[in-house]
Protein backbone atom coordinates (compact mmCIF):
# COMPACT_ATOMS: atom_id res chain seq x y z
CA MET A 1 27.87 23.09 53.77
CA GLU A 2 26.57 26.08 56.17
CA GLU A 3 29.03 28.24 57.92
CA LYS A 4 30.67 27.71 61.15
CA SER A 5 28.37 27.24 64.13
CA ASN A 6 27.51 29.90 66.59
CA PRO A 7 29.64 29.71 69.69
CA THR A 8 26.51 29.80 71.66
CA LEU A 9 25.54 26.27 70.83
CA SER A 10 25.13 23.99 73.63
CA PHE A 11 27.63 21.19 73.96
CA GLU A 12 24.86 18.70 73.28
CA ALA A 13 23.95 20.17 69.96
CA ALA A 14 27.76 20.86 68.86
CA LEU A 15 28.45 17.34 69.55
CA SER A 16 25.35 15.87 67.81
CA GLU A 17 26.57 18.18 64.68
CA LEU A 18 30.07 16.94 64.98
CA GLU A 19 28.82 13.31 64.88
CA THR A 20 26.67 13.93 61.83
CA ILE A 21 29.94 15.30 60.10
CA VAL A 22 31.98 12.44 61.19
CA ARG A 23 29.46 10.00 59.82
CA GLN A 24 29.26 11.78 56.69
CA LEU A 25 33.12 11.66 56.28
CA GLU A 26 33.30 8.25 57.06
CA GLU A 27 30.60 7.14 54.38
CA GLY A 28 32.85 9.02 51.82
CA LYS A 29 29.70 9.87 49.68
CA ILE A 30 30.16 13.67 49.64
CA PRO A 31 32.20 15.50 47.02
CA LEU A 32 35.71 16.47 47.95
CA GLU A 33 35.03 20.38 48.31
CA ASP A 34 32.16 19.58 50.66
CA ALA A 35 34.21 17.06 52.58
CA VAL A 36 36.78 19.64 53.17
CA LYS A 37 34.21 22.11 54.45
CA ALA A 38 32.75 19.63 56.51
CA TYR A 39 36.18 18.65 57.94
CA GLU A 40 36.92 22.45 58.84
CA LYS A 41 33.52 22.88 60.56
CA GLY A 42 34.07 19.59 62.31
CA SER A 43 37.31 20.87 63.60
CA TYR A 44 35.59 23.93 64.69
CA LEU A 45 33.04 21.88 66.56
CA ARG A 46 35.61 19.83 68.23
CA LYS A 47 37.19 22.79 69.64
CA LEU A 48 34.13 24.19 70.78
CA CYS A 49 33.25 21.04 72.53
CA GLU A 50 36.44 20.96 74.17
CA GLU A 51 36.10 24.41 75.61
CA LYS A 52 32.72 23.61 76.85
CA LEU A 53 33.94 20.58 78.64
CA ASN A 54 36.76 22.60 80.13
CA GLU A 55 34.43 25.19 81.23
CA ALA A 56 32.12 22.67 82.88
CA ARG A 57 35.34 20.91 84.58
CA LEU A 58 36.46 24.38 86.09
CA ARG A 59 32.89 25.01 87.42
CA ILE A 60 32.88 21.68 89.36
CA GLU A 61 36.43 22.09 90.87
CA LYS A 62 37.08 24.15 93.83
CA ILE A 63 40.47 25.18 95.49
CA THR A 64 40.69 24.37 99.17
CA THR A 65 43.57 25.06 101.70
CA SER A 66 44.87 21.96 103.58
CA SER A 67 44.43 22.57 107.43
CA GLU A 68 47.69 20.48 108.11
CA SER A 69 50.02 22.22 105.60
CA GLY A 70 48.22 25.21 104.52
CA GLU A 71 49.13 24.49 101.01
CA PRO A 72 46.27 25.14 98.45
CA GLN A 73 44.61 21.98 96.92
CA MET A 74 42.34 21.41 94.34
CA GLU A 75 39.07 19.37 95.25
CA ILE A 76 36.45 17.92 92.87
CA PHE A 77 33.03 19.17 93.67
CA GLU A 78 31.15 16.04 94.20
CA GLU A 79 27.56 17.31 94.84
CA ILE A 80 25.34 17.58 92.06
CA ASN A 81 22.23 19.87 91.94
CA GLY A 82 22.64 20.26 95.92
CA SER A 83 22.21 16.62 96.61
């Protein structure tokens, strides 16, 4: 099993790699030591995917101020690619 992935992996690449690892572990056809390494790498990839999803979520949320109460409110940015 190769070393942990590069943190610059795209979300899609990390997810694909994670899916492959899950499939291998579910099949149960890899030796125990390789399964443990695969599990460790999968844990790393899961965390990386969560971080990338959180970053994406933060990029599409914006904070606005309510004109009625003056209180800050979080608003989801609904436009995609300027449409």
